[in-house]
Amino acid sequence: MTHKLFKASAVTAASLLCLGLSGTVNAGASGAMLGNTCAGCHGTHGVSAGAAPSLKGLPVDYLKQAMHDFKSDKRPATIMNRIAKGYSDADIDAMAAYFGGMK
């Protein structure tokens, strides 16, 4: 398998994991639990080593707005608009508080 194909497969798998988990664990889930599903692209504890931006320590309001913009397709994306649709407003608030509270 070529490196490019492997990388695309890994991103797809991580995205599917995010989509699958967001639909099953979000009932009362903590921001940390929901935020952990983002690690495949945004890195462990929101510190990215790749092309996806790091989320750790970003302002809470910015994170909320970005997720709502992805969810409503106001912000173009390859994958995030599909992932964001799987989260409720409470989930988005919890994840924004989790990543925004990291220093």
Protein backbone atom coordinates (compact mmCIF):
# COMPACT_ATOMS: atom_id res chain seq x y z
CA MET A 1 0.00 0.00 0.00
CA THR A 2 1.43 3.37 -0.92
CA HIS A 3 2.03 5.99 1.76
CA LYS A 4 -0.58 8.32 0.24
CA LEU A 5 -3.22 5.58 0.15
CA PHE A 6 -2.37 4.51 3.71
CA LYS A 7 -2.67 8.11 4.93
CA ALA A 8 -6.04 8.55 3.18
CA SER A 9 -7.26 5.26 4.69
CA ALA A 10 -6.14 6.34 8.16
CA VAL A 11 -7.93 9.69 7.86
CA THR A 12 -11.07 7.96 6.62
CA ALA A 13 -10.95 5.46 9.49
CA ALA A 14 -10.49 8.23 12.05
CA SER A 15 -13.39 10.16 10.55
CA LEU A 16 -15.65 7.15 10.65
CA LEU A 17 -14.65 6.55 14.25
CA CYS A 18 -15.56 10.14 15.09
CA LEU A 19 -18.90 9.83 13.32
CA GLY A 20 -19.68 6.50 14.93
CA LEU A 21 -18.74 7.54 18.42
CA SER A 22 -20.49 10.88 18.26
CA GLY A 23 -23.76 9.12 17.62
CA THR A 24 -23.41 6.58 20.43
CA VAL A 25 -21.59 8.14 23.37
CA ASN A 26 -22.80 11.70 23.41
CA ALA A 27 -25.75 11.21 25.75
CA GLY A 28 -24.29 12.87 28.83
CA ALA A 29 -20.71 12.36 27.68
CA SER A 30 -17.98 14.61 29.02
CA GLY A 31 -16.05 17.05 26.88
CA ALA A 32 -12.94 14.93 27.39
CA MET A 33 -14.68 11.78 26.19
CA LEU A 34 -16.06 13.53 23.12
CA GLY A 35 -12.79 15.38 22.54
CA ASN A 36 -10.85 12.12 22.52
CA THR A 37 -12.65 11.14 19.32
CA CYS A 38 -10.88 14.05 17.61
CA ALA A 39 -7.39 12.66 18.28
CA GLY A 40 -7.17 10.81 14.96
CA CYS A 41 -6.84 14.10 13.08
CA HIS A 42 -6.22 16.80 15.70
CA GLY A 43 -3.75 14.81 17.84
CA THR A 44 -3.76 13.49 21.37
CA HIS A 45 -5.12 16.12 23.76
CA GLY A 46 -5.72 18.41 20.78
CA VAL A 47 -2.05 18.81 19.82
CA SER A 48 -1.76 18.08 16.11
CA ALA A 49 1.34 16.69 14.47
CA GLY A 50 -0.18 16.89 10.99
CA ALA A 51 -2.17 19.11 8.70
CA ALA A 52 -5.23 19.40 10.96
CA PRO A 53 -5.02 22.36 13.35
CA SER A 54 -4.28 21.91 17.04
CA LEU A 55 -7.31 22.53 19.24
CA LYS A 56 -5.62 22.77 22.64
CA GLY A 57 -6.10 26.16 24.28
CA LEU A 58 -8.11 27.78 21.49
CA PRO A 59 -10.76 30.21 22.75
CA VAL A 60 -14.01 28.45 23.70
CA ASP A 61 -16.17 30.84 21.67
CA TYR A 62 -13.98 30.31 18.59
CA LEU A 63 -14.25 26.52 18.90
CA LYS A 64 -18.02 26.67 19.31
CA GLN A 65 -18.44 28.99 16.34
CA ALA A 66 -16.16 26.87 14.15
CA MET A 67 -18.12 23.70 14.96
CA HIS A 68 -21.47 25.40 14.35
CA ASP A 69 -20.15 26.82 11.07
CA PHE A 70 -19.00 23.35 9.99
CA LYS A 71 -22.34 21.87 11.07
CA SER A 72 -24.35 24.40 9.04
CA ASP A 73 -21.95 24.22 6.04
CA LYS A 74 -21.04 27.92 6.43
CA ARG A 75 -17.41 26.87 6.74
CA PRO A 76 -16.18 24.67 3.91
CA ALA A 77 -14.39 21.47 4.81
CA THR A 78 -13.44 18.10 3.46
CA ILE A 79 -14.57 16.08 6.47
CA MET A 80 -15.37 18.33 9.43
CA ASN A 81 -18.76 19.46 8.14
CA ARG A 82 -19.90 15.83 8.09
CA ILE A 83 -18.46 15.09 11.53
CA ALA A 84 -19.92 18.24 13.13
CA LYS A 85 -23.44 17.26 12.09
CA GLY A 86 -23.22 14.30 14.49
CA TYR A 87 -22.86 16.50 17.57
CA SER A 88 -25.57 18.28 19.53
CA ASP A 89 -25.16 21.86 20.76
CA ALA A 90 -24.43 20.45 24.25
CA ASP A 91 -21.73 18.18 22.80
CA ILE A 92 -20.13 21.12 21.00
CA ASP A 93 -20.21 23.19 24.20
CA ALA A 94 -18.60 20.35 26.16
CA MET A 95 -15.83 19.80 23.60
CA ALA A 96 -15.14 23.53 23.30
CA ALA A 97 -14.85 23.81 27.08
CA TYR A 98 -12.52 20.79 27.15
CA PHE A 99 -10.13 22.02 24.47
CA GLY A 100 -10.46 25.68 25.44
CA GLY A 101 -9.68 24.90 29.07
CA MET A 102 -6.34 23.28 28.22
CA LYS A 103 -3.25 25.40 28.74
